[in-house]
């Protein structure tokens, strides 16, 4: 009986050592992941001032104001708006496609223009930049935002 008890305690001790080892490994892994996230957040905080400078770029603001006046004056057309969207997006990413849709609501007599924009290879900072300037367009409203990260494409 004593030999069975010793064998049981040896097995029990081995299992406990294995569990303790797994807990240590998981703790170290979690610590490294948290440290990595902390570094990324610190990097993003450092680059926030760079993003603010881009948003306050006087050349781009002047271009945007000129285009806004053109659009507000009633001389706008689909081509001009697409060209402006192209200028905004191509500063930070690659424009894949711009879709255009014109819908007329009969009850209210409202004509609604909508654009669908597909962008490739854009960073989060670039996305914030693009969204900020797209919302500055007269009558612009971002209704849907769909983000998709593809694993097979390298980030810029």
C-alpha atoms as a PDB file:
ATOM      1  CA  UNK A   1       0.000   0.000   0.000  1.00  0.00           C
ATOM      2  CA  UNK A   2       2.857   2.340   0.819  1.00  0.00           C
ATOM      3  CA  UNK A   3       4.367   1.869  -2.606  1.00  0.00           C
ATOM      4  CA  UNK A   4       1.043   2.802  -4.260  1.00  0.00           C
ATOM      5  CA  UNK A   5       0.833   5.926  -2.074  1.00  0.00           C
ATOM      6  CA  UNK A   6       4.376   6.924  -3.014  1.00  0.00           C
ATOM      7  CA  UNK A   7       3.614   6.420  -6.707  1.00  0.00           C
ATOM      8  CA  UNK A   8       0.422   8.443  -6.379  1.00  0.00           C
ATOM      9  CA  UNK A   9       2.245  11.300  -4.643  1.00  0.00           C
ATOM     10  CA  UNK A  10       5.011  11.252  -7.257  1.00  0.00           C
ATOM     11  CA  UNK A  11       2.440  11.473 -10.051  1.00  0.00           C
ATOM     12  CA  UNK A  12       0.523  14.158  -8.150  1.00  0.00           C
ATOM     13  CA  UNK A  13       3.737  16.130  -7.592  1.00  0.00           C
ATOM     14  CA  UNK A  14       4.675  15.825 -11.284  1.00  0.00           C
ATOM     15  CA  UNK A  15       1.231  17.081 -12.341  1.00  0.00           C
ATOM     16  CA  UNK A  16       1.449  20.004  -9.896  1.00  0.00           C
ATOM     17  CA  UNK A  17       4.924  20.940 -11.162  1.00  0.00           C
ATOM     18  CA  UNK A  18       3.617  20.777 -14.727  1.00  0.00           C
ATOM     19  CA  UNK A  19       0.657  23.021 -13.854  1.00  0.00           C
ATOM     20  CA  UNK A  20       2.911  25.489 -12.045  1.00  0.00           C
ATOM     21  CA  UNK A  21       5.247  25.572 -15.053  1.00  0.00           C
ATOM     22  CA  UNK A  22       2.313  26.231 -17.382  1.00  0.00           C
ATOM     23  CA  UNK A  23       1.123  29.076 -15.145  1.00  0.00           C
ATOM     24  CA  UNK A  24       4.582  30.656 -15.174  1.00  0.00           C
ATOM     25  CA  UNK A  25       4.789  30.382 -18.966  1.00  0.00           C
ATOM     26  CA  UNK A  26       1.318  31.923 -19.387  1.00  0.00           C
ATOM     27  CA  UNK A  27       2.217  34.741 -16.990  1.00  0.00           C
ATOM     28  CA  UNK A  28       5.397  35.524 -18.919  1.00  0.00           C
ATOM     29  CA  UNK A  29       3.512  35.418 -22.231  1.00  0.00           C
ATOM     30  CA  UNK A  30       0.785  37.740 -20.917  1.00  0.00           C
ATOM     31  CA  UNK A  31       3.398  40.129 -19.567  1.00  0.00           C
ATOM     32  CA  UNK A  32       5.178  40.260 -22.926  1.00  0.00           C
ATOM     33  CA  UNK A  33       1.893  40.907 -24.775  1.00  0.00           C
ATOM     34  CA  UNK A  34       0.958  43.716 -22.384  1.00  0.00           C
ATOM     35  CA  UNK A  35       4.409  45.227 -22.750  1.00  0.00           C
ATOM     36  CA  UNK A  36       4.054  45.097 -26.548  1.00  0.00           C
ATOM     37  CA  UNK A  37       0.651  46.826 -26.383  1.00  0.00           C
ATOM     38  CA  UNK A  38       2.090  49.451 -24.044  1.00  0.00           C
ATOM     39  CA  UNK A  39       4.888  50.177 -26.527  1.00  0.00           C
ATOM     40  CA  UNK A  40       2.364  50.497 -29.372  1.00  0.00           C
ATOM     41  CA  UNK A  41       0.196  52.902 -27.374  1.00  0.00           C
ATOM     42  CA  UNK A  42       3.248  54.949 -26.433  1.00  0.00           C
ATOM     43  CA  UNK A  43       4.246  55.115 -30.117  1.00  0.00           C
ATOM     44  CA  UNK A  44       0.733  56.224 -31.099  1.00  0.00           C
ATOM     45  CA  UNK A  45       0.769  58.930 -28.432  1.00  0.00           C
ATOM     46  CA  UNK A  46       4.093  60.239 -29.725  1.00  0.00           C
ATOM     47  CA  UNK A  47       2.761  60.392 -33.280  1.00  0.00           C
ATOM     48  CA  UNK A  48      -0.413  62.232 -32.269  1.00  0.00           C
ATOM     49  CA  UNK A  49       1.340  65.581 -32.580  1.00  0.00           C
ATOM     50  CA  UNK A  50       2.416  64.648 -36.125  1.00  0.00           C
ATOM     51  CA  UNK A  51      -1.213  63.878 -36.994  1.00  0.00           C
ATOM     52  CA  UNK A  52      -2.351  67.224 -35.592  1.00  0.00           C
ATOM     53  CA  UNK A  53       0.221  68.980 -37.767  1.00  0.00           C
ATOM     54  CA  UNK A  54      -1.074  67.196 -40.867  1.00  0.00           C
ATOM     55  CA  UNK A  55      -4.647  68.148 -40.050  1.00  0.00           C
ATOM     56  CA  UNK A  56      -3.587  71.774 -39.685  1.00  0.00           C
ATOM     57  CA  UNK A  57      -1.620  71.805 -42.948  1.00  0.00           C
ATOM     58  CA  UNK A  58      -2.325  75.295 -44.418  1.00  0.00           C
ATOM     59  CA  UNK A  59      -1.855  74.224 -48.054  1.00  0.00           C
ATOM     60  CA  UNK A  60      -4.335  71.414 -47.783  1.00  0.00           C
ATOM     61  CA  UNK A  61      -6.800  73.562 -45.822  1.00  0.00           C
ATOM     62  CA  UNK A  62      -6.643  76.231 -48.548  1.00  0.00           C
ATOM     63  CA  UNK A  63      -7.298  73.607 -51.228  1.00  0.00           C
ATOM     64  CA  UNK A  64     -10.218  72.240 -49.234  1.00  0.00           C
ATOM     65  CA  UNK A  65     -11.721  75.716 -48.744  1.00  0.00           C
ATOM     66  CA  UNK A  66     -11.489  76.466 -52.484  1.00  0.00           C
ATOM     67  CA  UNK A  67     -13.187  73.172 -53.305  1.00  0.00           C
ATOM     68  CA  UNK A  68     -15.864  73.755 -50.664  1.00  0.00           C
ATOM     69  CA  UNK A  69     -16.684  77.141 -52.192  1.00  0.00           C
ATOM     70  CA  UNK A  70     -16.904  75.578 -55.657  1.00  0.00           C
ATOM     71  CA  UNK A  71     -19.218  72.851 -54.405  1.00  0.00           C
ATOM     72  CA  UNK A  72     -21.344  75.281 -52.371  1.00  0.00           C
ATOM     73  CA  UNK A  73     -21.719  77.642 -55.337  1.00  0.00           C
ATOM     74  CA  UNK A  74     -23.763  75.032 -57.199  1.00  0.00           C
ATOM     75  CA  UNK A  75     -21.141  74.355 -59.846  1.00  0.00           C
ATOM     76  CA  UNK A  76     -20.405  70.948 -58.418  1.00  0.00           C
ATOM     77  CA  UNK A  77     -20.716  67.722 -60.225  1.00  0.00           C
ATOM     78  CA  UNK A  78     -19.871  64.128 -59.569  1.00  0.00           C
ATOM     79  CA  UNK A  79     -16.446  64.436 -61.198  1.00  0.00           C
ATOM     80  CA  UNK A  80     -15.315  67.345 -58.993  1.00  0.00           C
ATOM     81  CA  UNK A  81     -16.357  65.592 -55.799  1.00  0.00           C
ATOM     82  CA  UNK A  82     -14.638  62.369 -56.858  1.00  0.00           C
ATOM     83  CA  UNK A  83     -11.501  64.352 -57.676  1.00  0.00           C
ATOM     84  CA  UNK A  84     -11.525  65.973 -54.231  1.00  0.00           C
ATOM     85  CA  UNK A  85     -12.067  62.613 -52.515  1.00  0.00           C
ATOM     86  CA  UNK A  86      -9.179  61.236 -54.565  1.00  0.00           C
ATOM     87  CA  UNK A  87      -6.908  64.091 -53.419  1.00  0.00           C
ATOM     88  CA  UNK A  88      -7.861  63.572 -49.774  1.00  0.00           C
ATOM     89  CA  UNK A  89      -7.431  59.787 -49.797  1.00  0.00           C
ATOM     90  CA  UNK A  90      -4.248  59.549 -51.875  1.00  0.00           C
ATOM     91  CA  UNK A  91      -2.291  61.543 -49.300  1.00  0.00           C
ATOM     92  CA  UNK A  92      -2.423  58.574 -46.901  1.00  0.00           C
ATOM     93  CA  UNK A  93      -3.480  55.418 -48.762  1.00  0.00           C
ATOM     94  CA  UNK A  94      -4.212  53.867 -52.136  1.00  0.00           C
ATOM     95  CA  UNK A  95      -7.666  54.564 -53.537  1.00  0.00           C
ATOM     96  CA  UNK A  96      -9.060  51.353 -54.993  1.00  0.00           C
ATOM     97  CA  UNK A  97     -12.551  52.442 -56.001  1.00  0.00           C
ATOM     98  CA  UNK A  98     -15.134  55.229 -55.655  1.00  0.00           C
ATOM     99  CA  UNK A  99     -18.738  54.232 -56.176  1.00  0.00           C
ATOM    100  CA  UNK A 100     -21.495  56.780 -56.809  1.00  0.00           C
ATOM    101  CA  UNK A 101     -25.202  56.400 -56.139  1.00  0.00           C
ATOM    102  CA  UNK A 102     -28.012  58.896 -56.702  1.00  0.00           C
ATOM    103  CA  UNK A 103     -31.309  58.195 -54.954  1.00  0.00           C
ATOM    104  CA  UNK A 104     -34.513  60.204 -55.028  1.00  0.00           C
ATOM    105  CA  UNK A 105     -36.994  60.018 -52.180  1.00  0.00           C
ATOM    106  CA  UNK A 106     -40.394  60.731 -53.723  1.00  0.00           C
ATOM    107  CA  UNK A 107     -42.230  61.498 -50.487  1.00  0.00           C
ATOM    108  CA  UNK A 108     -39.846  64.188 -49.298  1.00  0.00           C
ATOM    109  CA  UNK A 109     -38.560  65.336 -52.666  1.00  0.00           C
ATOM    110  CA  UNK A 110     -34.965  64.917 -51.517  1.00  0.00           C
ATOM    111  CA  UNK A 111     -32.211  63.838 -53.854  1.00  0.00           C
ATOM    112  CA  UNK A 112     -29.426  62.042 -52.037  1.00  0.00           C
ATOM    113  CA  UNK A 113     -25.969  61.488 -53.475  1.00  0.00           C
ATOM    114  CA  UNK A 114     -23.833  58.836 -51.833  1.00  0.00           C
ATOM    115  CA  UNK A 115     -20.283  57.703 -52.422  1.00  0.00           C
ATOM    116  CA  UNK A 116     -18.654  54.401 -51.543  1.00  0.00           C
ATOM    117  CA  UNK A 117     -14.901  54.632 -51.105  1.00  0.00           C
ATOM    118  CA  UNK A 118     -12.549  51.637 -50.971  1.00  0.00           C
ATOM    119  CA  UNK A 119      -9.020  52.304 -49.734  1.00  0.00           C
ATOM    120  CA  UNK A 120      -6.041  49.929 -49.621  1.00  0.00           C
ATOM    121  CA  UNK A 121      -2.863  50.092 -47.519  1.00  0.00           C
ATOM    122  CA  UNK A 122      -3.848  52.790 -45.051  1.00  0.00           C
ATOM    123  CA  UNK A 123      -2.670  53.214 -41.485  1.00  0.00           C
ATOM    124  CA  UNK A 124      -4.958  54.132 -38.607  1.00  0.00           C
ATOM    125  CA  UNK A 125      -3.453  57.638 -38.558  1.00  0.00           C
ATOM    126  CA  UNK A 126      -4.130  57.974 -42.275  1.00  0.00           C
ATOM    127  CA  UNK A 127      -7.696  56.770 -41.790  1.00  0.00           C
ATOM    128  CA  UNK A 128      -8.314  59.391 -39.104  1.00  0.00           C
ATOM    129  CA  UNK A 129      -6.849  62.041 -41.402  1.00  0.00           C
ATOM    130  CA  UNK A 130      -9.076  60.989 -44.324  1.00  0.00           C
ATOM    131  CA  UNK A 131     -12.232  60.777 -42.211  1.00  0.00           C
ATOM    132  CA  UNK A 132     -11.579  64.224 -40.736  1.00  0.00           C
ATOM    133  CA  UNK A 133     -11.279  65.890 -44.133  1.00  0.00           C
ATOM    134  CA  UNK A 134     -14.111  63.924 -45.742  1.00  0.00           C
ATOM    135  CA  UNK A 135     -16.447  65.119 -42.986  1.00  0.00           C
ATOM    136  CA  UNK A 136     -15.430  68.709 -43.772  1.00  0.00           C
ATOM    137  CA  UNK A 137     -17.024  68.497 -47.221  1.00  0.00           C
ATOM    138  CA  UNK A 138     -20.336  70.408 -47.398  1.00  0.00           C
ATOM    139  CA  UNK A 139     -23.263  68.146 -46.608  1.00  0.00           C
ATOM    140  CA  UNK A 140     -20.965  65.192 -45.973  1.00  0.00           C
ATOM    141  CA  UNK A 141     -21.994  62.590 -43.442  1.00  0.00           C
ATOM    142  CA  UNK A 142     -20.251  59.291 -42.828  1.00  0.00           C
ATOM    143  CA  UNK A 143     -23.045  56.766 -42.447  1.00  0.00           C
ATOM    144  CA  UNK A 144     -21.178  53.447 -42.544  1.00  0.00           C
ATOM    145  CA  UNK A 145     -17.572  52.514 -41.922  1.00  0.00           C
ATOM    146  CA  UNK A 146     -16.381  48.981 -42.630  1.00  0.00           C
ATOM    147  CA  UNK A 147     -12.777  48.013 -41.897  1.00  0.00           C
ATOM    148  CA  UNK A 148     -11.132  44.814 -43.075  1.00  0.00           C
ATOM    149  CA  UNK A 149      -7.573  43.745 -42.379  1.00  0.00           C
ATOM    150  CA  UNK A 150      -6.112  41.244 -44.799  1.00  0.00           C
ATOM    151  CA  UNK A 151      -3.347  39.103 -43.362  1.00  0.00           C
ATOM    152  CA  UNK A 152      -1.620  38.374 -46.646  1.00  0.00           C
ATOM    153  CA  UNK A 153      -0.820  42.029 -47.388  1.00  0.00           C
ATOM    154  CA  UNK A 154       2.149  43.706 -45.690  1.00  0.00           C
ATOM    155  CA  UNK A 155       1.428  46.965 -43.888  1.00  0.00           C
ATOM    156  CA  UNK A 156       3.075  50.130 -45.206  1.00  0.00           C
END
